[in-house]
Amino acid sequence: FTANCGCECKSLISTVDLRFASTGLEFHAMRALKFGGLLLVNLAVAVIGTAILETALWRVISSHSVATIVSKEIVFSIVCAASIAFGMWRTWRNSAAKWTWVLPAVWFAFGYLTIAGHGDVWCRLSGFGSGSVLSAPDVRSFFLFTVPLVRAVSYSVGTYLSSLLYPAPVVPA
């Protein structure tokens, strides 16, 4: 009886250990999935939410030159994305918002590598590659690669600054 009980206990203990081990793995997988989902939501808010807010402000300042258009886009993207992030941190307080810049940085690096070897890369990514008029490749490169990076970096910085002013409450253990 004692020998049989020992085997059953060992079997029961190993089963419980496996359940806890798989639960720990599932817990980490669920946390990673939640973080990834929140990262994508914050990225959408940073890029699309900024565009929506920026559209409302776009007509306030007239733009008659390429330099004004590009400068206005950069300034509005920085201000709007940081402002949205500041408010979002106060509402959600998730750490994924601080990492919003990562995916657009990878996208920007992809754009840089795609454009490399086809003229002055930095001029094309800044929107000033053609000189006085925004040409189609410059506009495409600027709005496709540079603007999302500027918005996401500004969003992450806004989140970080907001987290310094409004730290997340400590949950008692």
N, C-alpha and C. Protein backbone atom coordinates (compact mmCIF):
# COMPACT_ATOMS: atom_id res chain seq x y z
N PHE A 1 0.83 -1.20 0.00
CA PHE A 1 0.00 0.00 0.00
C PHE A 1 0.86 1.26 0.00
N THR A 2 1.92 1.28 0.82
CA THR A 2 2.79 2.43 0.92
C THR A 2 3.52 2.68 -0.39
N ALA A 3 4.01 1.62 -1.03
CA ALA A 3 4.73 1.78 -2.30
C ALA A 3 3.78 2.30 -3.38
N ASN A 4 2.57 1.77 -3.36
CA ASN A 4 1.58 2.20 -4.36
C ASN A 4 1.20 3.66 -4.14
N CYS A 5 1.05 4.06 -2.88
CA CYS A 5 0.71 5.44 -2.56
C CYS A 5 1.82 6.38 -3.00
N GLY A 6 3.08 5.95 -2.84
CA GLY A 6 4.21 6.78 -3.24
C GLY A 6 4.20 7.04 -4.74
N CYS A 7 3.89 6.03 -5.52
CA CYS A 7 3.85 6.20 -6.98
C CYS A 7 2.71 7.12 -7.37
N GLU A 8 1.58 6.95 -6.74
CA GLU A 8 0.45 7.81 -7.07
C GLU A 8 0.75 9.26 -6.67
N CYS A 9 1.39 9.44 -5.54
CA CYS A 9 1.73 10.80 -5.10
C CYS A 9 2.73 11.43 -6.05
N LYS A 10 3.75 10.65 -6.47
CA LYS A 10 4.72 11.18 -7.42
C LYS A 10 4.04 11.55 -8.72
N SER A 11 3.12 10.71 -9.17
CA SER A 11 2.39 10.98 -10.41
C SER A 11 1.53 12.23 -10.26
N LEU A 12 0.88 12.35 -9.13
CA LEU A 12 0.04 13.51 -8.87
C LEU A 12 0.89 14.79 -8.80
N ILE A 13 2.04 14.72 -8.14
CA ILE A 13 2.92 15.88 -8.01
C ILE A 13 3.45 16.29 -9.38
N SER A 14 3.86 15.31 -10.19
CA SER A 14 4.38 15.66 -11.52
C SER A 14 3.28 16.25 -12.40
N THR A 15 2.05 15.77 -12.26
CA THR A 15 0.93 16.33 -13.02
C THR A 15 0.67 17.78 -12.60
N VAL A 16 0.69 18.03 -11.29
CA VAL A 16 0.49 19.39 -10.78
C VAL A 16 1.61 20.30 -11.25
N ASP A 17 2.87 19.80 -11.22
CA ASP A 17 4.01 20.59 -11.71
C ASP A 17 3.83 20.94 -13.18
N LEU A 18 3.39 19.98 -13.98
CA LEU A 18 3.18 20.25 -15.41
C LEU A 18 2.08 21.29 -15.62
N ARG A 19 1.03 21.19 -14.82
CA ARG A 19 -0.05 22.17 -14.95
C ARG A 19 0.43 23.57 -14.61
N PHE A 20 1.21 23.69 -13.52
CA PHE A 20 1.73 25.00 -13.16
C PHE A 20 2.73 25.50 -14.20
N ALA A 21 3.54 24.62 -14.74
CA ALA A 21 4.51 25.01 -15.76
C ALA A 21 3.79 25.48 -17.02
N SER A 22 2.75 24.74 -17.44
CA SER A 22 2.04 25.16 -18.65
C SER A 22 1.23 26.42 -18.38
N THR A 23 0.72 26.57 -17.18
CA THR A 23 -0.02 27.79 -16.84
C THR A 23 0.91 28.99 -16.86
N GLY A 24 2.14 28.84 -16.36
CA GLY A 24 3.10 29.93 -16.40
C GLY A 24 3.45 30.31 -17.83
N LEU A 25 3.61 29.32 -18.68
CA LEU A 25 3.91 29.58 -20.08
C LEU A 25 2.72 30.26 -20.76
N GLU A 26 1.52 29.77 -20.49
CA GLU A 26 0.32 30.39 -21.06
C GLU A 26 0.15 31.81 -20.54
N PHE A 27 0.48 32.02 -19.28
CA PHE A 27 0.38 33.36 -18.70
C PHE A 27 1.29 34.33 -19.44
N HIS A 28 2.54 33.91 -19.68
CA HIS A 28 3.49 34.77 -20.39
C HIS A 28 3.06 34.98 -21.84
N ALA A 29 2.51 33.95 -22.46
CA ALA A 29 2.03 34.08 -23.83
C ALA A 29 0.86 35.05 -23.90
N MET A 30 -0.03 34.98 -22.94
CA MET A 30 -1.18 35.89 -22.91
C MET A 30 -0.73 37.33 -22.65
N ARG A 31 0.26 37.51 -21.76
CA ARG A 31 0.80 38.85 -21.51
C ARG A 31 1.44 39.42 -22.76
N ALA A 32 2.18 38.59 -23.49
CA ALA A 32 2.83 39.04 -24.73
C ALA A 32 1.79 39.38 -25.78
N LEU A 33 0.75 38.58 -25.87
CA LEU A 33 -0.33 38.85 -26.83
C LEU A 33 -1.06 40.13 -26.47
N LYS A 34 -1.33 40.34 -25.19
CA LYS A 34 -1.99 41.57 -24.74
C LYS A 34 -1.11 42.78 -25.03
N PHE A 35 0.20 42.67 -24.74
CA PHE A 35 1.14 43.76 -25.00
C PHE A 35 1.18 44.08 -26.50
N GLY A 36 1.23 43.05 -27.34
CA GLY A 36 1.25 43.25 -28.78
C GLY A 36 -0.03 43.91 -29.28
N GLY A 37 -1.15 43.49 -28.76
CA GLY A 37 -2.42 44.11 -29.14
C GLY A 37 -2.49 45.56 -28.72
N LEU A 38 -2.06 45.85 -27.50
CA LEU A 38 -2.05 47.23 -27.03
C LEU A 38 -1.05 48.08 -27.82
N LEU A 39 0.05 47.48 -28.22
CA LEU A 39 1.03 48.18 -29.05
C LEU A 39 0.42 48.59 -30.38
N LEU A 40 -0.33 47.67 -31.00
CA LEU A 40 -0.98 47.98 -32.28
C LEU A 40 -2.08 49.03 -32.12
N VAL A 41 -2.82 48.96 -31.02
CA VAL A 41 -3.86 49.98 -30.77
C VAL A 41 -3.21 51.35 -30.57
N ASN A 42 -2.15 51.40 -29.78
CA ASN A 42 -1.46 52.67 -29.58
C ASN A 42 -0.84 53.19 -30.86
N LEU A 43 -0.34 52.30 -31.69
CA LEU A 43 0.22 52.71 -32.98
C LEU A 43 -0.86 53.31 -33.87
N ALA A 44 -2.03 52.69 -33.90
CA ALA A 44 -3.14 53.23 -34.69
C ALA A 44 -3.57 54.59 -34.16
N VAL A 45 -3.63 54.73 -32.85
CA VAL A 45 -4.00 56.02 -32.27
C VAL A 45 -2.94 57.07 -32.60
N ALA A 46 -1.67 56.68 -32.52
CA ALA A 46 -0.58 57.62 -32.80
C ALA A 46 -0.60 58.10 -34.24
N VAL A 47 -0.82 57.21 -35.18
CA VAL A 47 -0.74 57.58 -36.59
C VAL A 47 -2.08 58.12 -37.10
N ILE A 48 -3.15 57.38 -36.89
CA ILE A 48 -4.45 57.78 -37.43
C ILE A 48 -5.11 58.86 -36.58
N GLY A 49 -5.04 58.71 -35.26
CA GLY A 49 -5.62 59.72 -34.37
C GLY A 49 -4.97 61.08 -34.56
N THR A 50 -3.65 61.07 -34.76
CA THR A 50 -2.94 62.33 -35.01
C THR A 50 -3.40 62.94 -36.33
N ALA A 51 -3.59 62.10 -37.35
CA ALA A 51 -4.06 62.61 -38.65
C ALA A 51 -5.44 63.24 -38.53
N ILE A 52 -6.31 62.65 -37.74
CA ILE A 52 -7.66 63.20 -37.56
C ILE A 52 -7.60 64.54 -36.84
N LEU A 53 -6.84 64.61 -35.76
CA LEU A 53 -6.70 65.86 -35.03
C LEU A 53 -6.00 66.92 -35.87
N GLU A 54 -5.01 66.50 -36.61
CA GLU A 54 -4.24 67.41 -37.45
C GLU A 54 -5.09 68.01 -38.56
N THR A 55 -6.01 67.25 -39.10
CA THR A 55 -6.89 67.74 -40.16
C THR A 55 -7.71 68.92 -39.69
N ALA A 56 -8.14 68.87 -38.45
CA ALA A 56 -8.92 69.98 -37.90
C ALA A 56 -8.08 71.25 -37.78
N LEU A 57 -6.78 71.09 -37.54
CA LEU A 57 -5.90 72.25 -37.36
C LEU A 57 -5.23 72.70 -38.66
N TRP A 58 -5.28 71.89 -39.70
CA TRP A 58 -4.53 72.13 -40.92
C TRP A 58 -4.86 73.48 -41.58
N ARG A 59 -6.10 73.89 -41.54
CA ARG A 59 -6.52 75.13 -42.21
C ARG A 59 -6.19 76.39 -41.42
N VAL A 60 -5.78 76.24 -40.18
CA VAL A 60 -5.48 77.40 -39.34
C VAL A 60 -4.30 78.19 -39.89
N ILE A 61 -3.27 77.49 -40.33
CA ILE A 61 -2.08 78.13 -40.87
C ILE A 61 -2.03 77.87 -42.37
N SER A 62 -1.99 78.94 -43.14
CA SER A 62 -1.93 78.76 -44.59
C SER A 62 -0.54 78.32 -45.00
N SER A 63 -0.49 77.56 -46.09
CA SER A 63 0.81 77.07 -46.57
C SER A 63 0.90 77.33 -48.07
N HIS A 64 1.93 78.07 -48.45
CA HIS A 64 2.10 78.45 -49.85
C HIS A 64 3.38 77.92 -50.44
N SER A 65 4.18 77.20 -49.65
CA SER A 65 5.44 76.68 -50.18
C SER A 65 5.65 75.26 -49.67
N VAL A 66 6.57 74.57 -50.33
CA VAL A 66 6.89 73.21 -49.94
C VAL A 66 7.44 73.18 -48.52
N ALA A 67 8.30 74.12 -48.21
CA ALA A 67 8.90 74.18 -46.87
C ALA A 67 7.83 74.36 -45.80
N THR A 68 6.83 75.18 -46.09
CA THR A 68 5.75 75.41 -45.13
C THR A 68 4.91 74.15 -44.95
N ILE A 69 4.62 73.47 -46.03
CA ILE A 69 3.82 72.24 -45.95
C ILE A 69 4.54 71.18 -45.13
N VAL A 70 5.81 70.97 -45.43
CA VAL A 70 6.58 69.95 -44.71
C VAL A 70 6.75 70.35 -43.25
N SER A 71 7.09 71.60 -43.01
CA SER A 71 7.27 72.07 -41.62
C SER A 71 5.98 71.97 -40.83
N LYS A 72 4.89 72.35 -41.46
CA LYS A 72 3.59 72.28 -40.79
C LYS A 72 3.23 70.84 -40.45
N GLU A 73 3.50 69.93 -41.36
CA GLU A 73 3.22 68.51 -41.12
C GLU A 73 4.05 67.98 -39.95
N ILE A 74 5.32 68.33 -39.92
CA ILE A 74 6.20 67.87 -38.83
C ILE A 74 5.75 68.45 -37.49
N VAL A 75 5.53 69.75 -37.45
CA VAL A 75 5.16 70.41 -36.19
C VAL A 75 3.80 69.90 -35.69
N PHE A 76 2.81 69.84 -36.59
CA PHE A 76 1.50 69.35 -36.17
C PHE A 76 1.57 67.90 -35.73
N SER A 77 2.36 67.08 -36.42
CA SER A 77 2.49 65.68 -36.02
C SER A 77 3.09 65.56 -34.63
N ILE A 78 4.11 66.35 -34.35
CA ILE A 78 4.75 66.29 -33.03
C ILE A 78 3.79 66.74 -31.94
N VAL A 79 3.18 67.88 -32.13
CA VAL A 79 2.29 68.45 -31.10
C VAL A 79 1.05 67.59 -30.89
N CYS A 80 0.41 67.19 -31.98
CA CYS A 80 -0.83 66.41 -31.85
C CYS A 80 -0.57 65.03 -31.27
N ALA A 81 0.46 64.34 -31.75
CA ALA A 81 0.75 63.00 -31.23
C ALA A 81 1.13 63.04 -29.75
N ALA A 82 1.95 64.00 -29.36
CA ALA A 82 2.34 64.10 -27.95
C ALA A 82 1.14 64.45 -27.08
N SER A 83 0.27 65.31 -27.57
CA SER A 83 -0.92 65.68 -26.79
C SER A 83 -1.87 64.50 -26.62
N ILE A 84 -2.08 63.77 -27.68
CA ILE A 84 -2.95 62.58 -27.60
C ILE A 84 -2.35 61.57 -26.62
N ALA A 85 -1.05 61.35 -26.72
CA ALA A 85 -0.39 60.38 -25.84
C ALA A 85 -0.47 60.80 -24.38
N PHE A 86 -0.32 62.09 -24.14
CA PHE A 86 -0.41 62.60 -22.78
C PHE A 86 -1.76 62.23 -22.17
N GLY A 87 -2.82 62.45 -22.92
CA GLY A 87 -4.16 62.10 -22.44
C GLY A 87 -4.40 60.61 -22.36
N MET A 88 -3.85 59.86 -23.32
CA MET A 88 -4.05 58.42 -23.33
C MET A 88 -3.39 57.76 -22.11
N TRP A 89 -2.22 58.26 -21.71
CA TRP A 89 -1.55 57.69 -20.54
C TRP A 89 -2.40 57.89 -19.29
N ARG A 90 -3.00 59.06 -19.19
CA ARG A 90 -3.83 59.33 -18.01
C ARG A 90 -5.05 58.42 -17.98
N THR A 91 -5.51 57.96 -19.15
CA THR A 91 -6.68 57.10 -19.23
C THR A 91 -6.33 55.62 -19.10
N TRP A 92 -5.37 55.13 -19.90
CA TRP A 92 -5.07 53.69 -19.97
C TRP A 92 -3.92 53.26 -19.09
N ARG A 93 -2.85 54.02 -19.04
CA ARG A 93 -1.65 53.70 -18.26
C ARG A 93 -1.09 52.32 -18.58
N ASN A 94 -0.88 52.04 -19.86
CA ASN A 94 -0.24 50.78 -20.23
C ASN A 94 1.16 51.06 -20.77
N SER A 95 2.08 50.17 -20.48
CA SER A 95 3.48 50.38 -20.86
C SER A 95 3.71 50.21 -22.36
N ALA A 96 2.78 49.62 -23.06
CA ALA A 96 2.95 49.42 -24.51
C ALA A 96 3.02 50.76 -25.24
N ALA A 97 2.39 51.79 -24.69
CA ALA A 97 2.39 53.11 -25.34
C ALA A 97 3.80 53.70 -25.41
N LYS A 98 4.64 53.35 -24.47
CA LYS A 98 6.01 53.85 -24.47
C LYS A 98 6.85 53.22 -25.58
N TRP A 99 6.40 52.09 -26.11
CA TRP A 99 7.14 51.35 -27.13
C TRP A 99 6.51 51.50 -28.52
N THR A 100 5.64 52.46 -28.68
CA THR A 100 4.96 52.66 -29.95
C THR A 100 5.93 53.00 -31.08
N TRP A 101 7.05 53.57 -30.77
CA TRP A 101 8.02 54.00 -31.78
C TRP A 101 8.74 52.85 -32.47
N VAL A 102 8.73 51.65 -31.90
CA VAL A 102 9.56 50.55 -32.42
C VAL A 102 9.13 50.11 -33.82
N LEU A 103 7.87 49.80 -34.02
CA LEU A 103 7.42 49.34 -35.34
C LEU A 103 7.61 50.40 -36.43
N PRO A 104 7.28 51.67 -36.20
CA PRO A 104 7.57 52.67 -37.23
C PRO A 104 9.06 52.86 -37.49
N ALA A 105 9.90 52.64 -36.49
CA ALA A 105 11.35 52.74 -36.70
C ALA A 105 11.82 51.62 -37.63
N VAL A 106 11.29 50.44 -37.43
CA VAL A 106 11.61 49.32 -38.34
C VAL A 106 11.08 49.63 -39.74
N TRP A 107 9.88 50.18 -39.83
CA TRP A 107 9.28 50.55 -41.12
C TRP A 107 10.12 51.63 -41.80
N PHE A 108 10.59 52.61 -41.04
CA PHE A 108 11.44 53.67 -41.59
C PHE A 108 12.76 53.09 -42.10
N ALA A 109 13.34 52.16 -41.35
CA ALA A 109 14.58 51.51 -41.80
C ALA A 109 14.35 50.74 -43.09
N PHE A 110 13.20 50.09 -43.19
CA PHE A 110 12.84 49.40 -44.44
C PHE A 110 12.73 50.40 -45.58
N GLY A 111 12.09 51.53 -45.32
CA GLY A 111 11.97 52.57 -46.35
C GLY A 111 13.32 53.12 -46.76
N TYR A 112 14.19 53.32 -45.79
CA TYR A 112 15.54 53.81 -46.08
C TYR A 112 16.28 52.83 -46.98
N LEU A 113 16.21 51.55 -46.63
CA LEU A 113 16.89 50.54 -47.44
C LEU A 113 16.28 50.40 -48.83
N THR A 114 14.98 50.62 -48.93
CA THR A 114 14.30 50.55 -50.22
C THR A 114 14.74 51.70 -51.13
N ILE A 115 14.88 52.87 -50.56
CA ILE A 115 15.22 54.07 -51.33
C ILE A 115 16.72 54.17 -51.59
N ALA A 116 17.52 53.56 -50.73
CA ALA A 116 18.98 53.67 -50.86
C ALA A 116 19.43 53.25 -52.26
N GLY A 117 20.28 54.06 -52.84
CA GLY A 117 20.77 53.78 -54.18
C GLY A 117 19.94 54.44 -55.27
N HIS A 118 18.88 55.13 -54.89
CA HIS A 118 18.01 55.82 -55.86
C HIS A 118 18.03 57.32 -55.63
N GLY A 119 19.18 57.90 -55.57
CA GLY A 119 19.28 59.34 -55.34
C GLY A 119 19.57 59.64 -53.89
N ASP A 120 19.38 60.90 -53.53
CA ASP A 120 19.64 61.35 -52.17
C ASP A 120 18.52 60.87 -51.24
N VAL A 121 18.85 59.91 -50.42
CA VAL A 121 17.85 59.26 -49.57
C VAL A 121 17.24 60.24 -48.58
N TRP A 122 18.06 61.03 -47.89
CA TRP A 122 17.55 61.93 -46.85
C TRP A 122 16.66 63.02 -47.44
N CYS A 123 16.98 63.48 -48.64
CA CYS A 123 16.11 64.47 -49.27
C CYS A 123 14.76 63.87 -49.61
N ARG A 124 14.75 62.64 -50.08
CA ARG A 124 13.48 61.99 -50.42
C ARG A 124 12.65 61.71 -49.17
N LEU A 125 13.30 61.30 -48.09
CA LEU A 125 12.56 61.00 -46.87
C LEU A 125 12.09 62.26 -46.16
N SER A 126 12.74 63.39 -46.44
CA SER A 126 12.31 64.64 -45.81
C SER A 126 11.28 65.38 -46.65
N GLY A 127 11.08 64.97 -47.90
CA GLY A 127 10.11 65.62 -48.77
C GLY A 127 10.70 66.72 -49.63
N PHE A 128 11.99 66.97 -49.51
CA PHE A 128 12.63 68.06 -50.26
C PHE A 128 13.52 67.56 -51.39
N GLY A 129 13.33 66.35 -51.86
CA GLY A 129 14.22 65.79 -52.87
C GLY A 129 14.16 66.49 -54.20
N SER A 130 13.04 67.08 -54.55
CA SER A 130 12.93 67.67 -55.88
C SER A 130 13.17 69.18 -55.88
N GLY A 131 13.46 69.75 -54.75
CA GLY A 131 13.75 71.18 -54.71
C GLY A 131 12.54 72.00 -54.37
N SER A 132 11.91 72.60 -55.37
CA SER A 132 10.84 73.55 -55.10
C SER A 132 9.45 72.94 -55.10
N VAL A 133 9.28 71.79 -55.72
CA VAL A 133 7.95 71.17 -55.82
C VAL A 133 8.03 69.76 -55.28
N LEU A 134 7.01 69.38 -54.54
CA LEU A 134 6.96 68.01 -54.03
C LEU A 134 6.63 67.07 -55.17
N SER A 135 7.58 66.22 -55.54
CA SER A 135 7.33 65.25 -56.60
C SER A 135 6.72 63.99 -55.99
N ALA A 136 6.12 63.17 -56.82
CA ALA A 136 5.41 61.98 -56.34
C ALA A 136 6.28 61.06 -55.48
N PRO A 137 7.52 60.70 -55.90
CA PRO A 137 8.31 59.81 -55.03
C PRO A 137 8.66 60.45 -53.69
N ASP A 138 8.91 61.77 -53.70
CA ASP A 138 9.25 62.44 -52.44
C ASP A 138 8.06 62.47 -51.50
N VAL A 139 6.91 62.80 -52.02
CA VAL A 139 5.69 62.86 -51.20
C VAL A 139 5.38 61.47 -50.65
N ARG A 140 5.46 60.49 -51.51
CA ARG A 140 5.17 59.12 -51.09
C ARG A 140 6.14 58.69 -49.99
N SER A 141 7.42 58.90 -50.18
CA SER A 141 8.41 58.50 -49.18
C SER A 141 8.23 59.26 -47.87
N PHE A 142 7.98 60.54 -47.98
CA PHE A 142 7.81 61.37 -46.78
C PHE A 142 6.60 60.93 -45.97
N PHE A 143 5.45 60.79 -46.62
CA PHE A 143 4.23 60.45 -45.89
C PHE A 143 4.14 58.97 -45.53
N LEU A 144 4.83 58.12 -46.26
CA LEU A 144 4.77 56.69 -46.00
C LEU A 144 5.75 56.25 -44.92
N PHE A 145 6.93 56.87 -44.88
CA PHE A 145 7.96 56.42 -43.95
C PHE A 145 8.27 57.41 -42.83
N THR A 146 8.39 58.69 -43.18
CA THR A 146 8.84 59.68 -42.20
C THR A 146 7.73 60.11 -41.24
N VAL A 147 6.57 60.42 -41.78
CA VAL A 147 5.47 60.92 -40.94
C VAL A 147 5.05 59.89 -39.87
N PRO A 148 4.87 58.60 -40.19
CA PRO A 148 4.55 57.65 -39.11
C PRO A 148 5.63 57.57 -38.04
N LEU A 149 6.90 57.69 -38.45
CA LEU A 149 7.98 57.66 -37.46
C LEU A 149 7.91 58.87 -36.54
N VAL A 150 7.72 60.05 -37.12
CA VAL A 150 7.63 61.27 -36.31
C VAL A 150 6.45 61.19 -35.34
N ARG A 151 5.33 60.74 -35.82
CA ARG A 151 4.14 60.64 -34.97
C ARG A 151 4.34 59.61 -33.85
N ALA A 152 4.90 58.46 -34.18
CA ALA A 152 5.08 57.41 -33.17
C ALA A 152 6.12 57.81 -32.13
N VAL A 153 7.21 58.43 -32.56
CA VAL A 153 8.22 58.87 -31.60
C VAL A 153 7.63 59.95 -30.69
N SER A 154 6.89 60.89 -31.26
CA SER A 154 6.26 61.94 -30.46
C SER A 154 5.24 61.35 -29.49
N TYR A 155 4.51 60.36 -29.94
CA TYR A 155 3.53 59.68 -29.08
C TYR A 155 4.24 59.00 -27.91
N SER A 156 5.33 58.32 -28.19
CA SER A 156 6.08 57.64 -27.12
C SER A 156 6.68 58.64 -26.14
N VAL A 157 7.21 59.73 -26.66
CA VAL A 157 7.77 60.77 -25.78
C VAL A 157 6.66 61.39 -24.94
N GLY A 158 5.51 61.68 -25.54
CA GLY A 158 4.38 62.22 -24.79
C GLY A 158 3.92 61.27 -23.70
N THR A 159 3.91 59.98 -24.00
CA THR A 159 3.54 58.98 -23.00
C THR A 159 4.55 58.95 -21.87
N TYR A 160 5.81 58.99 -22.22
CA TYR A 160 6.87 58.96 -21.20
C TYR A 160 6.78 60.18 -20.29
N LEU A 161 6.61 61.36 -20.88
CA LEU A 161 6.50 62.58 -20.06
C LEU A 161 5.27 62.54 -19.17
N SER A 162 4.17 62.04 -19.71
CA SER A 162 2.96 61.92 -18.91
C SER A 162 3.14 60.91 -17.78
N SER A 163 3.88 59.84 -18.04
CA SER A 163 4.11 58.84 -16.99
C SER A 163 4.99 59.40 -15.87
N LEU A 164 5.83 60.37 -16.20
CA LEU A 164 6.63 61.00 -15.14
C LEU A 164 5.77 61.91 -14.27
N LEU A 165 4.83 62.60 -14.89
CA LEU A 165 3.95 63.50 -14.14
C LEU A 165 2.82 62.77 -13.42
N TYR A 166 2.32 61.70 -14.04
CA TYR A 166 1.22 60.92 -13.48
C TYR A 166 1.62 59.45 -13.42
N PRO A 167 2.41 59.06 -12.44
CA PRO A 167 2.84 57.66 -12.37
C PRO A 167 1.67 56.73 -12.14
N ALA A 168 1.82 55.52 -12.64
CA ALA A 168 0.77 54.52 -12.44
C ALA A 168 0.65 54.19 -10.95
N PRO A 169 -0.57 54.05 -10.46
CA PRO A 169 -0.73 53.72 -9.03
C PRO A 169 -0.17 52.34 -8.73
N VAL A 170 0.46 52.23 -7.56
CA VAL A 170 1.03 50.96 -7.13
C VAL A 170 -0.09 50.10 -6.55
N VAL A 171 -0.22 48.91 -7.09
CA VAL A 171 -1.25 47.98 -6.61
C VAL A 171 -0.67 47.19 -5.45
N PRO A 172 -1.33 47.22 -4.29
CA PRO A 172 -0.81 46.48 -3.14
C PRO A 172 -0.85 44.98 -3.40
N ALA A 173 0.18 44.28 -2.92
CA ALA A 173 0.27 42.84 -3.16
C ALA A 173 -0.58 42.04 -2.24
